[in-house]
N, C-alpha and C. Protein backbone atom coordinates (compact mmCIF):
# COMPACT_ATOMS: atom_id res chain seq x y z
N MET A 1 35.50 17.80 12.96
CA MET A 1 35.56 18.97 12.79
C MET A 1 34.30 19.44 13.50
N GLU A 2 33.94 20.58 14.28
CA GLU A 2 32.94 20.68 14.44
C GLU A 2 32.78 21.82 13.96
N ASP A 3 30.85 21.66 13.82
CA ASP A 3 30.06 22.71 12.84
C ASP A 3 30.39 24.36 12.90
N ASP A 4 30.79 24.61 14.07
CA ASP A 4 31.12 26.02 14.16
C ASP A 4 32.32 26.52 13.28
N THR A 5 33.29 25.41 13.27
CA THR A 5 34.89 25.60 13.01
C THR A 5 34.81 25.61 11.60
N THR A 6 33.61 23.93 10.79
CA THR A 6 33.57 23.61 9.20
C THR A 6 32.87 25.43 9.15
N ALA A 7 31.67 25.65 9.31
CA ALA A 7 31.57 27.08 8.88
C ALA A 7 32.01 28.29 8.77
N TRP A 8 33.29 28.52 9.58
CA TRP A 8 33.92 29.24 9.72
C TRP A 8 35.48 29.33 8.84
N LEU A 9 35.71 28.10 8.77
CA LEU A 9 36.73 27.43 7.35
C LEU A 9 36.10 27.74 6.16
N SER A 10 34.89 27.33 5.85
CA SER A 10 33.94 27.47 4.75
C SER A 10 34.44 28.73 4.40
N ALA A 11 33.68 29.86 4.89
CA ALA A 11 33.76 31.08 4.67
C ALA A 11 34.97 31.63 4.14
N ARG A 12 35.63 31.48 5.18
CA ARG A 12 37.36 31.61 4.65
C ARG A 12 37.98 31.80 3.71
N LEU A 13 37.63 29.79 3.71
CA LEU A 13 38.36 29.71 1.87
C LEU A 13 37.77 30.38 0.89
N ARG A 14 36.20 30.65 0.98
CA ARG A 14 35.51 31.74 -0.01
C ARG A 14 36.02 32.77 -0.28
N ARG A 15 35.82 33.40 0.90
CA ARG A 15 36.62 34.71 0.79
C ARG A 15 37.97 35.15 0.34
N GLU A 16 38.74 34.11 0.85
CA GLU A 16 40.60 34.16 0.26
C GLU A 16 40.35 34.08 -1.29
N ARG A 17 39.54 32.90 -1.70
CA ARG A 17 39.25 32.84 -3.04
C ARG A 17 38.61 33.94 -3.86
N GLU A 18 38.12 34.65 -3.76
CA GLU A 18 37.36 35.24 -3.79
C GLU A 18 38.14 36.92 -4.48
N MET A 19 39.11 36.86 -2.91
CA MET A 19 39.88 38.16 -2.70
C MET A 19 41.22 38.37 -3.80
N ARG A 20 41.16 36.90 -4.17
CA ARG A 20 42.58 36.59 -5.08
C ARG A 20 41.52 37.05 -6.95
N GLY A 21 40.29 36.81 -7.07
CA GLY A 21 39.74 37.22 -8.31
C GLY A 21 39.53 35.25 -8.41
N TRP A 22 39.66 34.56 -7.92
CA TRP A 22 39.32 32.89 -8.68
C TRP A 22 38.35 32.64 -8.97
N SER A 23 38.14 32.04 -9.74
CA SER A 23 37.24 31.25 -9.91
C SER A 23 36.80 29.53 -8.93
N LEU A 24 36.11 28.54 -9.20
CA LEU A 24 36.22 27.48 -8.72
C LEU A 24 37.46 26.87 -9.28
N GLY A 25 37.26 26.87 -10.35
CA GLY A 25 38.05 26.13 -11.51
C GLY A 25 39.56 26.48 -10.98
N GLN A 26 39.81 27.90 -11.01
CA GLN A 26 41.24 28.22 -11.25
C GLN A 26 41.99 28.16 -10.04
N PHE A 27 40.84 28.13 -8.84
CA PHE A 27 41.40 27.40 -7.09
C PHE A 27 41.46 25.90 -7.46
N ALA A 28 40.67 25.32 -8.35
CA ALA A 28 41.01 24.15 -8.33
C ALA A 28 42.23 23.58 -8.93
N GLU A 29 42.65 24.38 -9.96
CA GLU A 29 43.81 24.22 -11.07
C GLU A 29 45.44 24.67 -10.28
N GLU A 30 44.93 25.52 -9.40
CA GLU A 30 46.26 26.19 -8.56
C GLU A 30 46.67 24.82 -7.34
N SER A 31 45.67 24.70 -6.77
CA SER A 31 45.39 23.62 -5.77
C SER A 31 46.02 22.16 -6.26
N GLY A 32 45.37 21.41 -7.56
CA GLY A 32 45.50 20.39 -7.10
C GLY A 32 44.22 19.57 -6.64
N VAL A 33 43.49 20.46 -6.08
CA VAL A 33 42.17 19.81 -5.56
C VAL A 33 40.51 19.98 -6.27
N SER A 34 39.98 18.99 -6.80
CA SER A 34 38.99 19.03 -7.40
C SER A 34 37.92 20.17 -7.00
N LYS A 35 37.38 20.53 -8.36
CA LYS A 35 36.41 21.58 -8.42
C LYS A 35 35.36 21.06 -7.17
N ALA A 36 34.71 20.27 -7.73
CA ALA A 36 33.84 19.65 -6.51
C ALA A 36 33.90 19.56 -4.87
N MET A 37 35.33 19.16 -4.53
CA MET A 37 35.60 19.33 -3.26
C MET A 37 35.56 20.65 -3.14
N ILE A 38 36.35 21.20 -3.35
CA ILE A 38 36.14 22.89 -3.25
C ILE A 38 35.22 23.16 -2.90
N SER A 39 33.84 23.33 -4.01
CA SER A 39 32.58 23.60 -3.76
C SER A 39 31.85 23.34 -2.11
N LYS A 40 32.48 21.61 -2.35
CA LYS A 40 31.98 21.29 -1.18
C LYS A 40 32.10 21.76 0.15
N ILE A 41 33.66 22.54 0.45
CA ILE A 41 34.35 22.45 1.71
C ILE A 41 33.43 24.28 1.48
N GLU A 42 33.52 24.84 0.49
CA GLU A 42 33.12 26.49 0.82
C GLU A 42 31.34 26.37 1.14
N ARG A 43 30.97 25.25 0.99
CA ARG A 43 29.27 24.89 1.50
C ARG A 43 29.15 24.35 2.48
N GLY A 44 30.14 24.10 3.13
CA GLY A 44 29.96 23.45 4.96
C GLY A 44 29.95 21.78 4.41
N GLU A 45 29.51 20.98 3.27
CA GLU A 45 29.55 19.73 3.32
C GLU A 45 30.36 19.19 3.90
N ALA A 46 31.44 19.29 3.45
CA ALA A 46 32.33 18.23 3.64
C ALA A 46 33.87 18.98 4.17
N SER A 47 34.46 18.19 5.60
CA SER A 47 35.54 18.64 5.97
C SER A 47 36.82 18.25 5.46
N PRO A 48 37.80 19.12 4.91
CA PRO A 48 39.21 18.93 4.52
C PRO A 48 39.44 18.40 5.45
N THR A 49 40.51 17.05 4.57
CA THR A 49 41.57 16.45 5.50
C THR A 49 42.82 17.28 5.50
N ALA A 50 43.76 16.75 6.22
CA ALA A 50 44.72 17.54 6.36
C ALA A 50 45.72 17.98 5.44
N THR A 51 45.46 16.74 4.03
CA THR A 51 46.01 17.14 3.08
C THR A 51 45.55 17.56 1.96
N VAL A 52 44.35 17.53 1.89
CA VAL A 52 43.53 19.04 1.40
C VAL A 52 43.86 19.97 1.79
N LEU A 53 44.06 20.15 2.67
CA LEU A 53 43.92 21.53 3.19
C LEU A 53 45.55 22.31 3.16
N GLY A 54 46.57 21.33 3.19
CA GLY A 54 47.72 21.49 3.05
C GLY A 54 48.08 22.20 1.48
N ARG A 55 47.23 21.54 0.47
CA ARG A 55 46.80 21.94 -0.75
C ARG A 55 46.25 22.98 -1.35
N LEU A 56 45.35 23.50 -0.16
CA LEU A 56 44.54 24.89 -0.49
C LEU A 56 45.29 25.58 0.46
N SER A 57 46.30 25.58 1.29
CA SER A 57 46.92 26.25 1.72
C SER A 57 47.92 26.88 1.05
N GLY A 58 48.85 25.74 0.01
CA GLY A 58 49.72 25.96 -0.40
C GLY A 58 49.16 26.94 -2.08
N ALA A 59 48.59 26.77 -2.03
CA ALA A 59 47.71 27.72 -3.63
C ALA A 59 47.42 29.44 -2.95
N LEU A 60 46.91 29.15 -1.76
CA LEU A 60 46.83 30.21 -1.36
C LEU A 60 48.06 31.43 -0.73
N SER A 61 49.09 30.30 -0.82
CA SER A 61 50.61 31.10 -0.10
C SER A 61 49.90 31.58 1.13
N LEU A 62 49.41 30.52 2.00
CA LEU A 62 49.12 30.84 3.77
C LEU A 62 49.49 29.79 3.97
N THR A 63 50.20 29.69 5.10
CA THR A 63 50.66 28.32 6.04
C THR A 63 49.22 27.81 6.26
N VAL A 64 48.96 26.96 6.69
CA VAL A 64 47.78 25.88 7.04
C VAL A 64 47.56 26.77 8.68
N SER A 65 48.68 27.25 9.37
CA SER A 65 47.82 28.35 10.44
C SER A 65 47.34 28.88 10.31
N ALA A 66 47.92 29.82 9.44
CA ALA A 66 47.58 31.18 9.06
C ALA A 66 45.84 31.34 8.17
N LEU A 67 45.42 30.26 7.67
CA LEU A 67 44.05 29.63 7.22
C LEU A 67 43.43 29.31 8.10
N LEU A 68 43.57 28.61 9.14
CA LEU A 68 42.71 28.38 10.44
C LEU A 68 42.88 29.00 11.34
N SER A 69 43.44 30.63 11.32
CA SER A 69 43.62 30.94 12.48
C SER A 69 42.26 31.76 12.49
N ARG A 70 41.78 32.28 13.72
CA ARG A 70 40.61 32.93 13.76
C ARG A 70 40.89 34.87 14.47
N THR A 71 42.29 34.65 14.82
CA THR A 71 42.83 36.11 15.32
C THR A 71 43.72 36.38 14.31
N PRO A 72 44.19 37.97 14.58
CA PRO A 72 44.69 38.24 13.38
C PRO A 72 46.30 37.57 14.39
N SER A 73 47.21 37.40 13.00
CA SER A 73 48.46 37.07 13.25
C SER A 73 49.89 37.83 14.41
N VAL A 74 49.31 38.96 14.52
CA VAL A 74 49.93 39.37 15.79
C VAL A 74 49.40 39.80 16.81
N HIS A 75 49.56 39.02 17.95
CA HIS A 75 48.59 39.75 19.14
C HIS A 75 49.76 39.42 20.37
N HIS A 76 49.48 40.49 21.37
CA HIS A 76 50.31 40.49 22.48
C HIS A 76 49.71 39.90 23.69
N GLY A 77 50.56 39.48 24.55
CA GLY A 77 50.35 38.86 25.77
C GLY A 77 50.46 37.58 25.77
N VAL A 78 50.15 36.81 26.79
CA VAL A 78 49.66 34.86 26.77
C VAL A 78 48.53 34.54 25.99
N ARG A 79 48.72 33.49 25.08
CA ARG A 79 47.53 33.10 24.39
C ARG A 79 47.56 31.49 25.91
N THR A 80 46.29 31.44 26.07
CA THR A 80 46.32 30.73 26.65
C THR A 80 45.77 29.44 26.17
N HIS A 81 45.99 27.85 26.57
CA HIS A 81 45.88 27.04 26.06
C HIS A 81 44.45 26.82 25.62
N ALA A 82 43.83 27.15 26.50
CA ALA A 82 42.22 27.08 26.06
C ALA A 82 41.64 28.34 24.81
N THR A 83 42.56 29.10 24.57
CA THR A 83 42.31 30.05 23.23
C THR A 83 43.04 29.66 21.93
N GLN A 84 44.10 28.35 22.32
CA GLN A 84 44.77 28.38 21.33
C GLN A 84 44.13 27.14 20.26
N PRO A 85 43.61 27.89 19.11
CA PRO A 85 42.84 27.47 18.20
C PRO A 85 43.24 25.43 17.76
N LEU A 86 42.33 24.42 17.62
CA LEU A 86 42.68 23.03 17.84
C LEU A 86 41.46 22.86 16.91
N TRP A 87 42.49 22.02 15.41
CA TRP A 87 41.55 21.40 14.52
C TRP A 87 42.09 20.09 14.14
N SER A 88 41.09 19.03 14.12
CA SER A 88 41.13 17.84 13.83
C SER A 88 40.82 17.33 12.37
N ASP A 89 41.79 16.60 11.58
CA ASP A 89 41.50 15.65 10.29
C ASP A 89 40.62 14.58 10.69
N PRO A 90 39.77 14.86 9.95
CA PRO A 90 38.34 14.11 9.83
C PRO A 90 38.26 12.61 9.05
N GLU A 91 39.86 12.57 8.93
CA GLU A 91 39.67 11.16 7.83
C GLU A 91 41.28 10.16 8.95
N THR A 92 42.09 11.04 9.50
CA THR A 92 43.36 10.50 10.57
C THR A 92 43.22 10.87 12.08
N GLY A 93 42.13 11.51 12.42
CA GLY A 93 42.08 11.71 13.98
C GLY A 93 43.33 13.14 14.17
N TYR A 94 44.23 12.94 13.64
CA TYR A 94 45.17 13.82 13.64
C TYR A 94 45.05 15.35 14.27
N ASP A 95 45.71 15.71 15.35
CA ASP A 95 45.21 16.98 15.98
C ASP A 95 46.28 18.38 15.66
N ARG A 96 45.94 19.28 15.41
CA ARG A 96 46.82 19.93 15.25
C ARG A 96 46.25 21.26 16.23
N ARG A 97 47.29 21.53 17.32
CA ARG A 97 46.66 23.25 17.99
C ARG A 97 47.87 24.25 17.69
N GLN A 98 47.27 25.14 17.64
CA GLN A 98 48.00 26.46 16.87
C GLN A 98 48.71 27.37 18.10
N VAL A 99 49.62 26.65 18.90
CA VAL A 99 50.46 27.50 19.67
C VAL A 99 50.46 28.82 20.03
N LEU A 100 51.22 29.17 18.62
CA LEU A 100 51.56 30.16 18.48
C LEU A 100 51.58 30.71 17.12
N SER A 101 51.27 32.41 16.65
CA SER A 101 51.47 32.58 15.31
C SER A 101 51.89 33.80 15.63
N GLY A 102 53.27 34.11 15.41
CA GLY A 102 53.79 35.34 15.50
C GLY A 102 53.30 36.86 16.26
N GLN A 103 54.35 36.83 17.02
CA GLN A 103 53.97 37.96 18.07
C GLN A 103 55.53 39.10 17.64
N LYS A 104 55.01 39.40 16.70
CA LYS A 104 56.39 40.94 16.17
C LYS A 104 57.20 39.70 15.39
N ILE A 105 57.48 38.89 15.34
CA ILE A 105 58.18 37.81 14.53
C ILE A 105 57.36 36.64 13.81
N PRO A 106 57.75 36.48 12.49
CA PRO A 106 57.32 35.84 11.33
C PRO A 106 57.72 34.10 12.23
N LEU A 107 56.81 34.14 13.39
CA LEU A 107 56.84 32.56 13.72
C LEU A 107 55.68 31.52 14.56
N GLU A 108 55.52 30.69 14.29
CA GLU A 108 54.31 29.71 14.33
C GLU A 108 55.37 28.46 14.94
N LEU A 109 54.09 28.36 15.76
CA LEU A 109 54.32 26.74 16.47
C LEU A 109 53.10 26.30 16.80
N VAL A 110 53.23 24.84 16.57
CA VAL A 110 52.31 23.91 16.15
C VAL A 110 52.32 22.73 17.04
N GLU A 111 51.30 22.28 17.78
CA GLU A 111 51.70 21.33 18.22
C GLU A 111 50.72 19.72 17.85
N VAL A 112 51.28 18.97 17.37
CA VAL A 112 50.68 18.23 16.50
C VAL A 112 50.43 16.68 17.51
N ASN A 113 49.42 16.01 17.24
CA ASN A 113 48.88 14.84 17.71
C ASN A 113 49.01 13.79 16.80
N LEU A 114 49.81 12.99 15.93
CA LEU A 114 49.37 11.96 15.33
C LEU A 114 48.73 10.60 15.59
N PRO A 115 47.97 10.42 15.74
CA PRO A 115 47.43 9.14 16.11
C PRO A 115 48.39 7.46 15.82
N ALA A 116 48.11 6.62 16.54
CA ALA A 116 48.99 5.47 16.04
C ALA A 116 48.59 4.86 14.77
N GLY A 117 49.43 4.54 13.98
CA GLY A 117 48.98 3.81 12.44
C GLY A 117 48.51 4.27 11.61
N GLN A 118 48.43 6.17 11.66
CA GLN A 118 48.28 7.29 11.05
C GLN A 118 49.37 7.45 10.30
N GLN A 119 48.98 8.25 9.05
CA GLN A 119 50.15 9.26 8.45
C GLN A 119 49.26 10.53 7.59
N VAL A 120 50.15 11.05 7.45
CA VAL A 120 49.19 12.78 7.15
C VAL A 120 50.51 13.13 5.61
N THR A 121 49.96 13.19 4.52
CA THR A 121 50.34 13.76 3.33
C THR A 121 50.36 14.95 3.21
N MET A 122 51.60 15.94 2.97
CA MET A 122 51.45 17.41 3.00
C MET A 122 52.26 17.40 1.64
N PRO A 123 51.87 18.47 0.59
CA PRO A 123 52.46 18.87 -0.40
C PRO A 123 53.66 19.88 -0.49
N ALA A 124 54.49 19.46 -1.44
CA ALA A 124 55.38 20.89 -1.41
C ALA A 124 55.31 21.92 -1.24
N ALA A 125 53.99 22.18 -2.06
CA ALA A 125 53.25 23.56 -2.69
C ALA A 125 52.99 24.22 -1.01
N ALA A 126 52.62 23.34 0.12
CA ALA A 126 52.42 23.78 1.94
C ALA A 126 53.64 24.72 2.47
N PHE A 127 55.02 24.26 1.53
CA PHE A 127 56.25 24.64 2.28
C PHE A 127 56.85 25.40 1.27
N THR A 128 56.15 26.21 0.45
CA THR A 128 57.04 26.59 -0.53
C THR A 128 57.55 28.20 0.41
N PHE A 129 56.71 28.76 1.13
CA PHE A 129 57.76 30.24 1.42
C PHE A 129 57.66 30.21 2.90
N ILE A 130 57.98 28.70 3.48
CA ILE A 130 58.12 28.85 4.92
C ILE A 130 59.66 27.73 5.28
N GLN A 131 60.21 27.64 6.35
CA GLN A 131 60.99 27.05 6.79
C GLN A 131 60.77 26.55 8.01
N GLN A 132 60.85 25.11 8.28
CA GLN A 132 60.30 24.34 9.64
C GLN A 132 61.21 23.84 9.70
N ALA A 133 61.14 23.26 11.49
CA ALA A 133 61.89 22.14 11.79
C ALA A 133 60.71 20.94 12.92
N ILE A 134 61.15 20.31 13.07
CA ILE A 134 60.16 19.45 13.76
C ILE A 134 60.82 18.54 14.79
N TRP A 135 60.27 19.01 16.05
CA TRP A 135 60.59 18.06 16.95
C TRP A 135 59.35 17.18 17.62
N VAL A 136 60.18 16.08 18.01
CA VAL A 136 59.15 14.86 18.48
C VAL A 136 58.94 15.00 20.23
N LEU A 137 57.79 15.23 20.66
CA LEU A 137 58.05 15.64 22.00
C LEU A 137 57.41 13.64 22.73
N GLU A 138 56.60 13.02 21.75
CA GLU A 138 56.22 11.94 22.55
C GLU A 138 56.42 10.66 21.44
N GLY A 139 56.72 9.48 21.53
CA GLY A 139 56.51 8.76 20.47
C GLY A 139 57.73 8.89 20.03
N SER A 140 57.09 7.99 18.24
CA SER A 140 58.32 7.58 17.17
C SER A 140 57.40 8.48 15.97
N LEU A 141 58.03 9.24 15.40
CA LEU A 141 57.67 9.61 13.97
C LEU A 141 58.61 9.23 12.35
N LEU A 142 57.97 8.50 11.39
CA LEU A 142 58.90 8.24 10.51
C LEU A 142 58.14 9.46 9.59
N PHE A 143 59.17 10.01 9.09
CA PHE A 143 59.17 11.26 8.44
C PHE A 143 59.71 11.26 6.77
N HIS A 144 58.86 11.67 5.83
CA HIS A 144 59.13 11.45 4.57
C HIS A 144 59.44 12.29 4.00
N GLU A 145 60.36 12.71 3.63
CA GLU A 145 61.20 14.42 2.83
C GLU A 145 61.58 13.99 1.67
N GLY A 146 60.59 14.22 0.60
CA GLY A 146 60.61 13.87 -0.76
C GLY A 146 60.98 11.79 -0.85
N ASP A 147 62.77 11.82 -1.08
CA ASP A 147 63.11 10.55 -1.40
C ASP A 147 63.68 10.12 -0.40
N ARG A 148 64.08 10.94 0.87
CA ARG A 148 64.96 11.07 2.36
C ARG A 148 63.57 10.73 3.01
N VAL A 149 64.41 9.09 4.05
CA VAL A 149 63.32 8.94 5.29
C VAL A 149 63.78 9.24 6.99
N HIS A 150 63.37 9.89 7.27
CA HIS A 150 64.34 9.88 8.85
C HIS A 150 63.28 9.55 9.56
N LYS A 151 64.17 8.79 10.79
CA LYS A 151 63.12 8.18 12.01
C LYS A 151 63.15 9.28 12.71
N LEU A 152 62.10 9.53 13.27
CA LEU A 152 62.39 10.69 14.74
C LEU A 152 61.77 10.22 16.03
N ASP A 153 63.02 9.85 16.68
CA ASP A 153 62.55 9.17 18.20
C ASP A 153 61.62 10.05 19.64
N GLN A 154 61.67 10.28 20.51
CA GLN A 154 61.34 11.53 21.56
C GLN A 154 62.53 12.02 21.89
N GLY A 155 62.33 13.56 21.62
CA GLY A 155 63.13 14.49 21.83
C GLY A 155 64.34 15.22 20.65
N ASP A 156 64.31 14.22 19.47
CA ASP A 156 64.92 14.41 18.29
C ASP A 156 64.49 15.56 17.07
N CYS A 157 65.25 16.18 16.79
CA CYS A 157 64.68 17.42 16.02
C CYS A 157 65.32 17.33 14.60
N LEU A 158 64.44 17.90 13.37
CA LEU A 158 65.09 17.76 11.82
C LEU A 158 64.43 18.97 11.81
N GLU A 159 65.54 19.77 10.84
CA GLU A 159 65.45 20.77 9.92
C GLU A 159 64.77 20.48 8.98
N LEU A 160 64.59 20.73 7.94
CA LEU A 160 63.75 20.38 7.01
C LEU A 160 64.44 21.14 5.79
N GLY A 161 64.34 20.56 4.67
CA GLY A 161 65.78 21.50 3.67
C GLY A 161 64.24 21.99 2.66
N PRO A 162 64.44 21.95 1.61
CA PRO A 162 63.44 22.62 0.57
C PRO A 162 62.36 22.19 -0.16
N PRO A 163 61.60 22.36 0.06
CA PRO A 163 60.31 21.78 -0.38
C PRO A 163 59.90 21.11 -1.05
N GLN A 164 59.41 19.76 -0.32
CA GLN A 164 58.56 18.61 -0.88
C GLN A 164 57.94 18.29 -0.50
N ASP A 165 57.28 17.39 -1.08
CA ASP A 165 56.13 16.43 -0.63
C ASP A 165 56.59 15.47 0.29
N CYS A 166 55.86 15.67 1.15
CA CYS A 166 56.29 15.01 2.94
C CYS A 166 55.00 14.07 3.17
N ILE A 167 55.59 13.39 4.43
CA ILE A 167 54.71 12.33 4.62
C ILE A 167 54.96 11.94 6.65
N PHE A 168 53.94 12.64 7.02
CA PHE A 168 54.18 12.27 8.44
C PHE A 168 53.42 10.74 9.08
N HIS A 169 54.23 9.97 9.21
CA HIS A 169 53.72 8.58 9.14
C HIS A 169 54.31 8.22 11.29
N ASN A 170 52.85 7.63 11.54
CA ASN A 170 53.13 7.13 12.56
C ASN A 170 53.08 5.70 13.06
N GLN A 171 54.18 4.57 12.63
CA GLN A 171 53.91 3.54 12.40
C GLN A 171 53.80 2.52 13.80
N SER A 172 53.84 3.45 15.10
CA SER A 172 54.11 2.60 16.50
C SER A 172 52.48 2.67 16.81
N HIS A 173 52.31 1.92 17.87
CA HIS A 173 51.23 1.72 18.29
C HIS A 173 50.77 2.39 19.40
N GLU A 174 51.73 3.60 19.49
CA GLU A 174 51.24 4.96 20.48
C GLU A 174 51.35 6.26 20.24
N ASN A 175 50.52 6.98 20.37
CA ASN A 175 50.41 8.22 19.87
C ASN A 175 51.79 8.38 20.05
N CYS A 176 52.18 9.85 18.50
CA CYS A 176 53.29 10.37 18.65
C CYS A 176 52.61 11.71 18.42
N ARG A 177 53.39 12.17 19.57
CA ARG A 177 53.34 14.42 19.54
C ARG A 177 54.42 14.94 19.04
N TYR A 178 54.45 16.07 18.25
CA TYR A 178 55.10 16.76 17.85
C TYR A 178 54.98 17.92 17.67
N LEU A 179 56.05 19.17 17.96
CA LEU A 179 56.01 20.53 17.93
C LEU A 179 56.56 20.85 16.48
N VAL A 180 56.09 21.55 15.31
CA VAL A 180 56.54 21.73 14.37
C VAL A 180 56.72 23.82 14.89
N ALA A 181 58.01 24.06 14.35
CA ALA A 181 58.21 25.46 14.22
C ALA A 181 58.68 25.57 13.16
N VAL A 182 57.43 26.67 12.53
CA VAL A 182 57.58 27.22 11.35
C VAL A 182 58.08 28.97 11.04
N VAL A 183 59.05 29.08 10.26
CA VAL A 183 58.91 30.32 10.06
C VAL A 183 58.84 30.96 8.84
N ARG A 184 58.19 31.80 8.60
CA ARG A 184 57.57 32.10 7.61
C ARG A 184 58.66 33.32 6.91
N SER A 185 58.36 32.90 5.31
CA SER A 185 59.40 34.28 4.45
C SER A 185 58.68 35.30 4.47
N THR A 186 59.50 36.43 4.93
CA THR A 186 59.28 37.88 4.63
C THR A 186 59.72 38.71 3.23
N PRO A 187 58.49 39.19 2.91
CA PRO A 187 59.08 40.14 1.41
C PRO A 187 60.14 40.92 1.65
C-alpha cells in the first residue's frame, strides 16, 4: 500500500472508531483483531491484510469498499478507470479496484486480481449486511463458502448465500480476475 493510502486509511479507521466512541480494546473485541495491530494500523506503522481489513470493516458495519473509498458513495457521471480506487494486500498481492460504489442504488462493483497460488480469507462479519455475487472474468477460483467449496472457471458466476467465513483461493499458476457485485442492505 502506498504511503498516502496508508495515512488516509489509518486516519479513516481512527475516525470511524472514535465516531462510535470505541476504545482500541472495544474495537479489538468487536473485530477480532488485536489491540496492538489496530494501534499500529491507526498510527500508519502497519498495513492491514485483506483479512484484517475484512474484520475491521465488518465490526464497523461498513463494506470494505466503503472503508477504502475516498469519495462519497453517491456520485454522478463517469468514474474513469484512473479515478477508481485501487488497494493492494501487502501480504498476498491481491488487488481490488472499486469500480463503482452506489449511484442512487445500493450497489458496489469491485474488480479483484488474485495472483497465482494465493488465497484471501474473509470473515462472515464482513458479509452480514450485504448480498453478493462473484463472476470470474479470467482464470479460475476455488471459493470456500463455509463448508461448501465452489470451483469457478472463466465466465462462471456464484450468488453467495447467508454470511459465512469465506476463502478466495487461486490454486492455479495464472492470475485470477473476478468481479464482485455487492448489494448493501438498506434500513
